[in-house]
Amino acid sequence: MNDKNEQKQQGLQIELTPDKAQGEYSNFAIITHSSSEFIVDFARMMPGVQKAQVRSRIILAPEHAKRLLGALQENIARYERSFGQIKLPQPQGERTIAPFNVGKGEA
């Protein structure tokens, strides 16, 4: 049996450690790229705070970034078929950097 068939039969095993399983909440992402990689910084913005804290940085090869885009598109389509369309609060074409206005903080 060749290596490709052995890998197919064994499947892919993924280890999720307890600390990673807790996850990190992010409501803001910054994406930059060079000719050889895409960098995605996931951050958390808090109302009334002018500074976002990066919680995780993921570095991807361009091919993997494109695969991630396809996987996200596919999963969003599945989600919307099950739960309805995801509505964005701003008019189309207008971009915001956070899901809320980062103005004056209130208690």
Protein backbone atom coordinates (compact mmCIF):
# COMPACT_ATOMS: atom_id res chain seq x y z
CA MET A 1 0.00 0.00 0.00
CA ASN A 2 1.43 3.42 -0.88
CA ASP A 3 1.80 6.33 1.56
CA LYS A 4 -1.10 8.32 0.06
CA ASN A 5 -3.58 5.49 0.67
CA GLU A 6 -2.28 4.96 4.21
CA GLN A 7 -2.80 8.65 5.03
CA LYS A 8 -6.33 8.54 3.59
CA GLN A 9 -7.30 5.51 5.69
CA GLN A 10 -5.74 6.81 8.92
CA GLY A 11 -7.31 10.27 8.70
CA LEU A 12 -6.02 13.46 10.20
CA GLN A 13 -5.75 13.72 13.95
CA ILE A 14 -5.87 17.18 15.49
CA GLU A 15 -4.89 17.85 19.08
CA LEU A 16 -6.80 20.59 20.88
CA THR A 17 -5.21 21.36 24.23
CA PRO A 18 -7.44 22.62 27.07
CA ASP A 19 -5.91 26.12 27.00
CA LYS A 20 -6.55 26.45 23.24
CA ALA A 21 -10.05 24.96 23.58
CA GLN A 22 -11.05 28.00 25.65
CA GLY A 23 -10.57 30.16 22.56
CA GLU A 24 -10.08 33.90 22.29
CA TYR A 25 -12.89 36.35 21.55
CA SER A 26 -12.14 38.74 18.70
CA ASN A 27 -14.33 41.47 17.22
CA PHE A 28 -11.65 43.09 15.08
CA ALA A 29 -9.11 41.75 12.59
CA ILE A 30 -6.26 43.37 10.71
CA ILE A 31 -4.99 41.65 7.57
CA THR A 32 -1.67 42.50 5.95
CA HIS A 33 0.40 40.66 3.38
CA SER A 34 3.73 40.42 1.62
CA SER A 35 4.61 38.49 -1.51
CA SER A 36 5.07 35.31 0.53
CA GLU A 37 2.56 35.46 3.43
CA PHE A 38 -0.68 36.80 4.83
CA ILE A 39 -0.75 37.95 8.44
CA VAL A 40 -4.06 38.07 10.31
CA ASP A 41 -4.08 39.79 13.70
CA PHE A 42 -7.20 39.05 15.73
CA ALA A 43 -7.90 41.76 18.27
CA ARG A 44 -10.48 42.80 20.81
CA MET A 45 -11.92 46.31 20.84
CA MET A 46 -13.72 47.53 23.95
CA PRO A 47 -16.17 50.46 23.98
CA GLY A 48 -14.51 53.69 25.04
CA VAL A 49 -10.98 52.29 24.72
CA GLN A 50 -8.84 53.68 21.92
CA LYS A 51 -6.36 50.79 21.87
CA ALA A 52 -7.17 47.31 20.53
CA GLN A 53 -5.33 44.40 22.09
CA VAL A 54 -4.10 41.74 19.65
CA ARG A 55 -5.12 38.36 21.05
CA SER A 56 -3.70 36.12 18.32
CA ARG A 57 -1.59 36.39 15.16
CA ILE A 58 -1.90 33.83 12.39
CA ILE A 59 0.62 33.73 9.53
CA LEU A 60 -0.47 31.93 6.35
CA ALA A 61 1.04 31.11 2.99
CA PRO A 62 -0.97 32.73 0.16
CA GLU A 63 -2.35 29.34 -0.89
CA HIS A 64 -3.59 28.62 2.63
CA ALA A 65 -5.12 32.11 2.89
CA LYS A 66 -7.12 31.41 -0.26
CA ARG A 67 -8.21 28.02 1.10
CA LEU A 68 -9.29 29.75 4.33
CA LEU A 69 -11.31 32.28 2.31
CA GLY A 70 -13.09 29.45 0.49
CA ALA A 71 -13.78 27.58 3.74
CA LEU A 72 -15.19 30.73 5.36
CA GLN A 73 -17.41 31.44 2.34
CA GLU A 74 -18.70 27.86 2.38
CA ASN A 75 -19.39 27.91 6.12
CA ILE A 76 -21.10 31.32 6.00
CA ALA A 77 -23.37 30.01 3.23
CA ARG A 78 -24.24 26.96 5.38
CA TYR A 79 -24.87 29.17 8.41
CA GLU A 80 -27.15 31.49 6.44
CA ARG A 81 -29.12 28.54 5.03
CA SER A 82 -29.73 27.34 8.59
CA PHE A 83 -30.17 30.60 10.50
CA GLY A 84 -30.86 33.33 7.94
CA GLN A 85 -28.79 36.07 6.38
CA ILE A 86 -26.08 37.72 8.45
CA LYS A 87 -26.80 41.44 8.36
CA LEU A 88 -24.06 44.01 8.67
CA PRO A 89 -25.08 47.28 10.36
CA GLN A 90 -23.34 49.69 7.96
CA PRO A 91 -24.40 50.52 4.39
CA GLN A 92 -22.69 48.47 1.70
CA GLY A 93 -19.39 49.91 0.58
CA GLU A 94 -18.73 51.67 3.88
CA ARG A 95 -16.10 50.00 6.04
CA THR A 96 -15.69 50.26 9.76
CA ILE A 97 -12.84 49.03 11.92
CA ALA A 98 -14.99 47.75 14.77
CA PRO A 99 -18.56 46.62 15.30
CA PHE A 100 -19.30 49.65 17.45
CA ASN A 101 -18.48 53.34 17.51
CA VAL A 102 -15.23 53.87 19.41
CA GLY A 103 -16.14 57.27 20.80
CA LYS A 104 -16.77 58.41 24.33
CA GLY A 105 -16.91 55.60 26.87
CA GLU A 106 -19.91 55.29 29.14
CA ALA A 107 -20.37 53.46 32.43
